Amino acid sequence: MEFHLGRDEPLQRTLVSRLMQAAGLQHDEQAIMTGIQWVTQQVVGGKRELSLTDIRAAVTEIRRVMSLASAPRAAVMAQTRGARFEDQM
């Protein structure tokens, strides 16, 4: 991961979006903001180096959370309680 100071923000977002797309990740504005928030948390938490394992774990967790956010409410509630979705119907 590299940071380039002084770059135009829209240009940087375009570059990041393309890199995310090339890596097979979501690359829309929400995905970019989620990534920025995660990096911010790492920096504030004092982490100065990120391993590939750290980044892969974060991507897995972010994908899980985003899939839950887009799932119907009843399905999320059933999964959260450990019940099967069919039992809720």
PDB file of N, CA and C in Angstrom:
ATOM      1  N   MET A   1       0.849  -1.157   0.000  1.00  0.00           N
ATOM      2  CA  MET A   1       0.000   0.000   0.000  1.00  0.00           C
ATOM      3  C   MET A   1       0.899   1.226   0.000  1.00  0.00           C
ATOM      4  N   GLU A   2       0.543   2.181  -0.812  1.00  0.00           N
ATOM      5  CA  GLU A   2       1.335   3.398  -0.897  1.00  0.00           C
ATOM      6  C   GLU A   2       0.429   4.607  -0.760  1.00  0.00           C
ATOM      7  N   PHE A   3       0.965   5.649  -0.172  1.00  0.00           N
ATOM      8  CA  PHE A   3       0.252   6.911  -0.071  1.00  0.00           C
ATOM      9  C   PHE A   3       1.053   7.960  -0.820  1.00  0.00           C
ATOM     10  N   HIS A   4       0.391   8.691  -1.662  1.00  0.00           N
ATOM     11  CA  HIS A   4       1.040   9.740  -2.447  1.00  0.00           C
ATOM     12  C   HIS A   4       0.433  11.078  -2.040  1.00  0.00           C
ATOM     13  N   LEU A   5       1.196  11.846  -1.317  1.00  0.00           N
ATOM     14  CA  LEU A   5       0.706  13.147  -0.868  1.00  0.00           C
ATOM     15  C   LEU A   5       0.683  14.120  -2.030  1.00  0.00           C
ATOM     16  N   GLY A   6      -0.290  15.017  -2.002  1.00  0.00           N
ATOM     17  CA  GLY A   6      -0.375  16.047  -3.013  1.00  0.00           C
ATOM     18  C   GLY A   6      -1.091  15.629  -4.283  1.00  0.00           C
ATOM     19  N   ARG A   7      -1.584  14.407  -4.339  1.00  0.00           N
ATOM     20  CA  ARG A   7      -2.328  13.979  -5.516  1.00  0.00           C
ATOM     21  C   ARG A   7      -3.747  14.523  -5.450  1.00  0.00           C
ATOM     22  N   ASP A   8      -4.288  14.783  -6.591  1.00  0.00           N
ATOM     23  CA  ASP A   8      -5.668  15.217  -6.709  1.00  0.00           C
ATOM     24  C   ASP A   8      -6.584  14.094  -6.193  1.00  0.00           C
ATOM     25  N   GLU A   9      -7.504  14.424  -5.265  1.00  0.00           N
ATOM     26  CA  GLU A   9      -8.347  13.389  -4.655  1.00  0.00           C
ATOM     27  C   GLU A   9      -9.172  12.600  -5.672  1.00  0.00           C
ATOM     28  N   PRO A  10      -9.850  13.241  -6.617  1.00  0.00           N
ATOM     29  CA  PRO A  10     -10.601  12.450  -7.603  1.00  0.00           C
ATOM     30  C   PRO A  10      -9.709  11.492  -8.401  1.00  0.00           C
ATOM     31  N   LEU A  11      -8.503  11.930  -8.726  1.00  0.00           N
ATOM     32  CA  LEU A  11      -7.564  11.068  -9.431  1.00  0.00           C
ATOM     33  C   LEU A  11      -7.179   9.877  -8.564  1.00  0.00           C
ATOM     34  N   GLN A  12      -6.937  10.115  -7.285  1.00  0.00           N
ATOM     35  CA  GLN A  12      -6.566   9.042  -6.363  1.00  0.00           C
ATOM     36  C   GLN A  12      -7.713   8.040  -6.211  1.00  0.00           C
ATOM     37  N   ARG A  13      -8.943   8.543  -6.099  1.00  0.00           N
ATOM     38  CA  ARG A  13     -10.108   7.648  -5.977  1.00  0.00           C
ATOM     39  C   ARG A  13     -10.267   6.786  -7.226  1.00  0.00           C
ATOM     40  N   THR A  14     -10.044   7.359  -8.397  1.00  0.00           N
ATOM     41  CA  THR A  14     -10.121   6.599  -9.647  1.00  0.00           C
ATOM     42  C   THR A  14      -9.076   5.499  -9.661  1.00  0.00           C
ATOM     43  N   LEU A  15      -7.858   5.831  -9.271  1.00  0.00           N
ATOM     44  CA  LEU A  15      -6.784   4.843  -9.216  1.00  0.00           C
ATOM     45  C   LEU A  15      -7.118   3.720  -8.246  1.00  0.00           C
ATOM     46  N   VAL A  16      -7.568   4.081  -7.058  1.00  0.00           N
ATOM     47  CA  VAL A  16      -7.919   3.078  -6.043  1.00  0.00           C
ATOM     48  C   VAL A  16      -9.058   2.193  -6.550  1.00  0.00           C
ATOM     49  N   SER A  17     -10.062   2.801  -7.159  1.00  0.00           N
ATOM     50  CA  SER A  17     -11.189   2.037  -7.698  1.00  0.00           C
ATOM     51  C   SER A  17     -10.713   1.017  -8.730  1.00  0.00           C
ATOM     52  N   ARG A  18      -9.830   1.431  -9.606  1.00  0.00           N
ATOM     53  CA  ARG A  18      -9.304   0.514 -10.635  1.00  0.00           C
ATOM     54  C   ARG A  18      -8.488  -0.617 -10.027  1.00  0.00           C
ATOM     55  N   LEU A  19      -7.692  -0.304  -9.024  1.00  0.00           N
ATOM     56  CA  LEU A  19      -6.905  -1.340  -8.356  1.00  0.00           C
ATOM     57  C   LEU A  19      -7.807  -2.335  -7.626  1.00  0.00           C
ATOM     58  N   MET A  20      -8.857  -1.809  -6.981  1.00  0.00           N
ATOM     59  CA  MET A  20      -9.808  -2.684  -6.294  1.00  0.00           C
ATOM     60  C   MET A  20     -10.518  -3.589  -7.295  1.00  0.00           C
ATOM     61  N   GLN A  21     -10.924  -3.022  -8.432  1.00  0.00           N
ATOM     62  CA  GLN A  21     -11.584  -3.802  -9.469  1.00  0.00           C
ATOM     63  C   GLN A  21     -10.647  -4.898  -9.991  1.00  0.00           C
ATOM     64  N   ALA A  22      -9.403  -4.552 -10.231  1.00  0.00           N
ATOM     65  CA  ALA A  22      -8.418  -5.522 -10.737  1.00  0.00           C
ATOM     66  C   ALA A  22      -8.184  -6.660  -9.745  1.00  0.00           C
ATOM     67  N   ALA A  23      -8.346  -6.355  -8.451  1.00  0.00           N
ATOM     68  CA  ALA A  23      -8.165  -7.371  -7.411  1.00  0.00           C
ATOM     69  C   ALA A  23      -9.433  -8.182  -7.168  1.00  0.00           C
ATOM     70  N   GLY A  24     -10.498  -7.863  -7.910  1.00  0.00           N
ATOM     71  CA  GLY A  24     -11.740  -8.606  -7.755  1.00  0.00           C
ATOM     72  C   GLY A  24     -12.600  -8.127  -6.596  1.00  0.00           C
ATOM     73  N   LEU A  25     -12.344  -6.918  -6.134  1.00  0.00           N
ATOM     74  CA  LEU A  25     -13.098  -6.358  -5.017  1.00  0.00           C
ATOM     75  C   LEU A  25     -14.188  -5.431  -5.538  1.00  0.00           C
ATOM     76  N   GLN A  26     -15.188  -5.188  -4.680  1.00  0.00           N
ATOM     77  CA  GLN A  26     -16.143  -4.141  -5.016  1.00  0.00           C
ATOM     78  C   GLN A  26     -15.346  -2.861  -5.157  1.00  0.00           C
ATOM     79  N   HIS A  27     -15.760  -1.993  -6.060  1.00  0.00           N
ATOM     80  CA  HIS A  27     -14.948  -0.797  -6.317  1.00  0.00           C
ATOM     81  C   HIS A  27     -15.801   0.462  -6.451  1.00  0.00           C
ATOM     82  N   ASP A  28     -16.998   0.418  -5.857  1.00  0.00           N
ATOM     83  CA  ASP A  28     -17.852   1.601  -5.886  1.00  0.00           C
ATOM     84  C   ASP A  28     -17.466   2.555  -4.751  1.00  0.00           C
ATOM     85  N   GLU A  29     -18.156   3.674  -4.665  1.00  0.00           N
ATOM     86  CA  GLU A  29     -17.828   4.694  -3.659  1.00  0.00           C
ATOM     87  C   GLU A  29     -17.943   4.157  -2.229  1.00  0.00           C
ATOM     88  N   GLN A  30     -18.974   3.349  -1.973  1.00  0.00           N
ATOM     89  CA  GLN A  30     -19.141   2.789  -0.628  1.00  0.00           C
ATOM     90  C   GLN A  30     -17.959   1.877  -0.274  1.00  0.00           C
ATOM     91  N   ALA A  31     -17.519   1.075  -1.219  1.00  0.00           N
ATOM     92  CA  ALA A  31     -16.388   0.175  -0.969  1.00  0.00           C
ATOM     93  C   ALA A  31     -15.106   0.970  -0.707  1.00  0.00           C
ATOM     94  N   ILE A  32     -14.906   2.037  -1.457  1.00  0.00           N
ATOM     95  CA  ILE A  32     -13.725   2.875  -1.245  1.00  0.00           C
ATOM     96  C   ILE A  32     -13.771   3.502   0.145  1.00  0.00           C
ATOM     97  N   MET A  33     -14.923   4.029   0.535  1.00  0.00           N
ATOM     98  CA  MET A  33     -15.057   4.644   1.863  1.00  0.00           C
ATOM     99  C   MET A  33     -14.854   3.620   2.976  1.00  0.00           C
ATOM    100  N   THR A  34     -15.341   2.405   2.778  1.00  0.00           N
ATOM    101  CA  THR A  34     -15.139   1.345   3.762  1.00  0.00           C
ATOM    102  C   THR A  34     -13.654   1.038   3.917  1.00  0.00           C
ATOM    103  N   GLY A  35     -12.942   0.987   2.799  1.00  0.00           N
ATOM    104  CA  GLY A  35     -11.498   0.759   2.843  1.00  0.00           C
ATOM    105  C   GLY A  35     -10.758   1.883   3.544  1.00  0.00           C
ATOM    106  N   ILE A  36     -11.156   3.120   3.255  1.00  0.00           N
ATOM    107  CA  ILE A  36     -10.533   4.280   3.905  1.00  0.00           C
ATOM    108  C   ILE A  36     -10.757   4.221   5.407  1.00  0.00           C
ATOM    109  N   GLN A  37     -11.979   3.871   5.817  1.00  0.00           N
ATOM    110  CA  GLN A  37     -12.279   3.771   7.249  1.00  0.00           C
ATOM    111  C   GLN A  37     -11.429   2.701   7.919  1.00  0.00           C
ATOM    112  N   TRP A  38     -11.253   1.565   7.243  1.00  0.00           N
ATOM    113  CA  TRP A  38     -10.451   0.491   7.829  1.00  0.00           C
ATOM    114  C   TRP A  38      -8.991   0.916   7.981  1.00  0.00           C
ATOM    115  N   VAL A  39      -8.441   1.536   6.946  1.00  0.00           N
ATOM    116  CA  VAL A  39      -7.055   2.008   7.028  1.00  0.00           C
ATOM    117  C   VAL A  39      -6.918   3.045   8.138  1.00  0.00           C
ATOM    118  N   THR A  40      -7.893   3.935   8.243  1.00  0.00           N
ATOM    119  CA  THR A  40      -7.876   4.949   9.306  1.00  0.00           C
ATOM    120  C   THR A  40      -7.844   4.287  10.685  1.00  0.00           C
ATOM    121  N   GLN A  41      -8.657   3.257  10.879  1.00  0.00           N
ATOM    122  CA  GLN A  41      -8.674   2.540  12.153  1.00  0.00           C
ATOM    123  C   GLN A  41      -7.314   1.918  12.460  1.00  0.00           C
ATOM    124  N   GLN A  42      -6.665   1.393  11.443  1.00  0.00           N
ATOM    125  CA  GLN A  42      -5.351   0.783  11.644  1.00  0.00           C
ATOM    126  C   GLN A  42      -4.327   1.829  12.069  1.00  0.00           C
ATOM    127  N   VAL A  43      -4.341   2.983  11.396  1.00  0.00           N
ATOM    128  CA  VAL A  43      -3.392   4.048  11.704  1.00  0.00           C
ATOM    129  C   VAL A  43      -3.637   4.591  13.104  1.00  0.00           C
ATOM    130  N   VAL A  44      -4.898   4.888  13.425  1.00  0.00           N
ATOM    131  CA  VAL A  44      -5.242   5.405  14.755  1.00  0.00           C
ATOM    132  C   VAL A  44      -4.880   4.381  15.834  1.00  0.00           C
ATOM    133  N   GLY A  45      -5.026   3.101  15.504  1.00  0.00           N
ATOM    134  CA  GLY A  45      -4.689   2.040  16.440  1.00  0.00           C
ATOM    135  C   GLY A  45      -3.191   1.807  16.591  1.00  0.00           C
ATOM    136  N   GLY A  46      -2.384   2.556  15.857  1.00  0.00           N
ATOM    137  CA  GLY A  46      -0.940   2.458  16.001  1.00  0.00           C
ATOM    138  C   GLY A  46      -0.272   1.455  15.088  1.00  0.00           C
ATOM    139  N   LYS A  47      -1.017   0.824  14.212  1.00  0.00           N
ATOM    140  CA  LYS A  47      -0.435  -0.171  13.312  1.00  0.00           C
ATOM    141  C   LYS A  47       0.305   0.547  12.189  1.00  0.00           C
ATOM    142  N   ARG A  48       1.556   0.242  12.017  1.00  0.00           N
ATOM    143  CA  ARG A  48       2.381   0.911  11.010  1.00  0.00           C
ATOM    144  C   ARG A  48       2.669   0.039   9.801  1.00  0.00           C
ATOM    145  N   GLU A  49       2.507  -1.269   9.966  1.00  0.00           N
ATOM    146  CA  GLU A  49       2.711  -2.192   8.851  1.00  0.00           C
ATOM    147  C   GLU A  49       1.531  -3.128   8.783  1.00  0.00           C
ATOM    148  N   LEU A  50       1.054  -3.381   7.564  1.00  0.00           N
ATOM    149  CA  LEU A  50      -0.061  -4.281   7.345  1.00  0.00           C
ATOM    150  C   LEU A  50       0.427  -5.456   6.511  1.00  0.00           C
ATOM    151  N   SER A  51       0.219  -6.638   7.036  1.00  0.00           N
ATOM    152  CA  SER A  51       0.611  -7.833   6.288  1.00  0.00           C
ATOM    153  C   SER A  51      -0.502  -8.202   5.313  1.00  0.00           C
ATOM    154  N   LEU A  52      -0.176  -9.034   4.367  1.00  0.00           N
ATOM    155  CA  LEU A  52      -1.174  -9.527   3.432  1.00  0.00           C
ATOM    156  C   LEU A  52      -2.259 -10.290   4.186  1.00  0.00           C
ATOM    157  N   THR A  53      -1.884 -10.994   5.232  1.00  0.00           N
ATOM    158  CA  THR A  53      -2.846 -11.714   6.071  1.00  0.00           C
ATOM    159  C   THR A  53      -3.822 -10.742   6.726  1.00  0.00           C
ATOM    160  N   ASP A  54      -3.315  -9.607   7.240  1.00  0.00           N
ATOM    161  CA  ASP A  54      -4.183  -8.585   7.836  1.00  0.00           C
ATOM    162  C   ASP A  54      -5.198  -8.069   6.822  1.00  0.00           C
ATOM    163  N   ILE A  55      -4.725  -7.782   5.628  1.00  0.00           N
ATOM    164  CA  ILE A  55      -5.584  -7.215   4.596  1.00  0.00           C
ATOM    165  C   ILE A  55      -6.614  -8.235   4.127  1.00  0.00           C
ATOM    166  N   ARG A  56      -6.199  -9.480   3.938  1.00  0.00           N
ATOM    167  CA  ARG A  56      -7.150 -10.526   3.530  1.00  0.00           C
ATOM    168  C   ARG A  56      -8.224 -10.743   4.588  1.00  0.00           C
ATOM    169  N   ALA A  57      -7.827 -10.747   5.865  1.00  0.00           N
ATOM    170  CA  ALA A  57      -8.803 -10.906   6.949  1.00  0.00           C
ATOM    171  C   ALA A  57      -9.796  -9.752   6.953  1.00  0.00           C
ATOM    172  N   ALA A  58      -9.310  -8.543   6.728  1.00  0.00           N
ATOM    173  CA  ALA A  58     -10.194  -7.367   6.693  1.00  0.00           C
ATOM    174  C   ALA A  58     -11.162  -7.460   5.515  1.00  0.00           C
ATOM    175  N   VAL A  59     -10.686  -7.863   4.348  1.00  0.00           N
ATOM    176  CA  VAL A  59     -11.555  -7.991   3.178  1.00  0.00           C
ATOM    177  C   VAL A  59     -12.639  -9.036   3.441  1.00  0.00           C
ATOM    178  N   THR A  60     -12.264 -10.159   4.033  1.00  0.00           N
ATOM    179  CA  THR A  60     -13.243 -11.202   4.355  1.00  0.00           C
ATOM    180  C   THR A  60     -14.304 -10.679   5.312  1.00  0.00           C
ATOM    181  N   GLU A  61     -13.889  -9.975   6.351  1.00  0.00           N
ATOM    182  CA  GLU A  61     -14.825  -9.434   7.333  1.00  0.00           C
ATOM    183  C   GLU A  61     -15.714  -8.354   6.711  1.00  0.00           C
ATOM    184  N   ILE A  62     -15.142  -7.479   5.911  1.00  0.00           N
ATOM    185  CA  ILE A  62     -15.927  -6.417   5.274  1.00  0.00           C
ATOM    186  C   ILE A  62     -16.959  -7.027   4.318  1.00  0.00           C
ATOM    187  N   ARG A  63     -16.562  -8.033   3.570  1.00  0.00           N
ATOM    188  CA  ARG A  63     -17.516  -8.706   2.666  1.00  0.00           C
ATOM    189  C   ARG A  63     -18.659  -9.334   3.462  1.00  0.00           C
ATOM    190  N   ARG A  64     -18.339  -9.960   4.593  1.00  0.00           N
ATOM    191  CA  ARG A  64     -19.370 -10.591   5.415  1.00  0.00           C
ATOM    192  C   ARG A  64     -20.353  -9.547   5.928  1.00  0.00           C
ATOM    193  N   VAL A  65     -19.836  -8.451   6.442  1.00  0.00           N
ATOM    194  CA  VAL A  65     -20.687  -7.390   6.985  1.00  0.00           C
ATOM    195  C   VAL A  65     -21.542  -6.768   5.877  1.00  0.00           C
ATOM    196  N   MET A  66     -20.938  -6.531   4.719  1.00  0.00           N
ATOM    197  CA  MET A  66     -21.691  -5.920   3.623  1.00  0.00           C
ATOM    198  C   MET A  66     -22.772  -6.866   3.106  1.00  0.00           C
ATOM    199  N   SER A  67     -22.512  -8.172   3.100  1.00  0.00           N
ATOM    200  CA  SER A  67     -23.541  -9.113   2.643  1.00  0.00           C
ATOM    201  C   SER A  67     -24.687  -9.163   3.649  1.00  0.00           C
ATOM    202  N   LEU A  68     -24.366  -9.059   4.939  1.00  0.00           N
ATOM    203  CA  LEU A  68     -25.423  -9.004   5.943  1.00  0.00           C
ATOM    204  C   LEU A  68     -26.244  -7.732   5.797  1.00  0.00           C
ATOM    205  N   ALA A  69     -25.583  -6.628   5.468  1.00  0.00           N
ATOM    206  CA  ALA A  69     -26.283  -5.354   5.323  1.00  0.00           C
ATOM    207  C   ALA A  69     -27.242  -5.373   4.138  1.00  0.00           C
ATOM    208  N   SER A  70     -26.938  -6.170   3.124  1.00  0.00           N
ATOM    209  CA  SER A  70     -27.800  -6.202   1.944  1.00  0.00           C
ATOM    210  C   SER A  70     -28.828  -7.327   1.998  1.00  0.00           C
ATOM    211  N   ALA A  71     -28.757  -8.196   3.014  1.00  0.00           N
ATOM    212  CA  ALA A  71     -29.699  -9.309   3.143  1.00  0.00           C
ATOM    213  C   ALA A  71     -31.021  -8.814   3.726  1.00  0.00           C
ATOM    214  N   PRO A  72     -32.124  -9.509   3.407  1.00  0.00           N
ATOM    215  CA  PRO A  72     -33.403  -9.141   4.025  1.00  0.00           C
ATOM    216  C   PRO A  72     -33.318  -9.236   5.549  1.00  0.00           C
ATOM    217  N   ARG A  73     -34.024  -8.370   6.236  1.00  0.00           N
ATOM    218  CA  ARG A  73     -33.966  -8.285   7.699  1.00  0.00           C
ATOM    219  C   ARG A  73     -34.265  -9.621   8.377  1.00  0.00           C
ATOM    220  N   ALA A  74     -35.282 -10.333   7.919  1.00  0.00           N
ATOM    221  CA  ALA A  74     -35.638 -11.607   8.548  1.00  0.00           C
ATOM    222  C   ALA A  74     -34.498 -12.619   8.430  1.00  0.00           C
ATOM    223  N   ALA A  75     -33.826 -12.631   7.283  1.00  0.00           N
ATOM    224  CA  ALA A  75     -32.709 -13.559   7.092  1.00  0.00           C
ATOM    225  C   ALA A  75     -31.556 -13.207   8.021  1.00  0.00           C
ATOM    226  N   VAL A  76     -31.293 -11.917   8.191  1.00  0.00           N
ATOM    227  CA  VAL A  76     -30.228 -11.479   9.091  1.00  0.00           C
ATOM    228  C   VAL A  76     -30.564 -11.864  10.526  1.00  0.00           C
ATOM    229  N   MET A  77     -31.787 -11.632  10.930  1.00  0.00           N
ATOM    230  CA  MET A  77     -32.199 -11.970  12.298  1.00  0.00           C
ATOM    231  C   MET A  77     -32.085 -13.472  12.531  1.00  0.00           C
ATOM    232  N   ALA A  78     -32.494 -14.264  11.560  1.00  0.00           N
ATOM    233  CA  ALA A  78     -32.405 -15.714  11.700  1.00  0.00           C
ATOM    234  C   ALA A  78     -30.957 -16.160  11.812  1.00  0.00           C
ATOM    235  N   GLN A  79     -30.088 -15.579  10.997  1.00  0.00           N
ATOM    236  CA  GLN A  79     -28.672 -15.943  11.040  1.00  0.00           C
ATOM    237  C   GLN A  79     -28.050 -15.513  12.363  1.00  0.00           C
ATOM    238  N   THR A  80     -28.431 -14.351  12.840  1.00  0.00           N
ATOM    239  CA  THR A  80     -27.884 -13.836  14.098  1.00  0.00           C
ATOM    240  C   THR A  80     -28.280 -14.722  15.265  1.00  0.00           C
ATOM    241  N   ARG A  81     -29.505 -15.223  15.262  1.00  0.00           N
ATOM    242  CA  ARG A  81     -29.986 -16.084  16.349  1.00  0.00           C
ATOM    243  C   ARG A  81     -29.568 -17.529  16.165  1.00  0.00           C
ATOM    244  N   GLY A  82     -29.004 -17.849  15.016  1.00  0.00           N
ATOM    245  CA  GLY A  82     -28.589 -19.221  14.768  1.00  0.00           C
ATOM    246  C   GLY A  82     -29.733 -20.088  14.273  1.00  0.00           C
ATOM    247  N   ALA A  83     -30.897 -19.506  14.031  1.00  0.00           N
ATOM    248  CA  ALA A  83     -32.041 -20.251  13.532  1.00  0.00           C
ATOM    249  C   ALA A  83     -32.001 -20.305  12.019  1.00  0.00           C
ATOM    250  N   ARG A  84     -32.708 -21.260  11.458  1.00  0.00           N
ATOM    251  CA  ARG A  84     -32.793 -21.328  10.011  1.00  0.00           C
ATOM    252  C   ARG A  84     -33.825 -20.341   9.521  1.00  0.00           C
ATOM    253  N   PHE A  85     -33.602 -19.748   8.332  1.00  0.00           N
ATOM    254  CA  PHE A  85     -34.501 -18.750   7.763  1.00  0.00           C
ATOM    255  C   PHE A  85     -35.894 -19.354   7.550  1.00  0.00           C
ATOM    256  N   GLU A  86     -35.952 -20.608   7.129  1.00  0.00           N
ATOM    257  CA  GLU A  86     -37.239 -21.233   6.854  1.00  0.00           C
ATOM    258  C   GLU A  86     -38.110 -21.304   8.104  1.00  0.00           C
ATOM    259  N   ASP A  87     -37.497 -21.411   9.286  1.00  0.00           N
ATOM    260  CA  ASP A  87     -38.229 -21.461  10.538  1.00  0.00           C
ATOM    261  C   ASP A  87     -38.947 -20.159  10.844  1.00  0.00           C
ATOM    262  N   GLN A  88     -38.501 -19.071  10.225  1.00  0.00           N
ATOM    263  CA  GLN A  88     -39.089 -17.757  10.488  1.00  0.00           C
ATOM    264  C   GLN A  88     -40.329 -17.508   9.647  1.00  0.00           C
ATOM    265  N   MET A  89     -40.569 -18.354   8.656  1.00  0.00           N
ATOM    266  CA  MET A  89     -41.679 -18.106   7.735  1.00  0.00           C
ATOM    267  C   MET A  89     -42.915 -18.860   8.139  1.00  0.00           C
TER     268      MET A  89
END
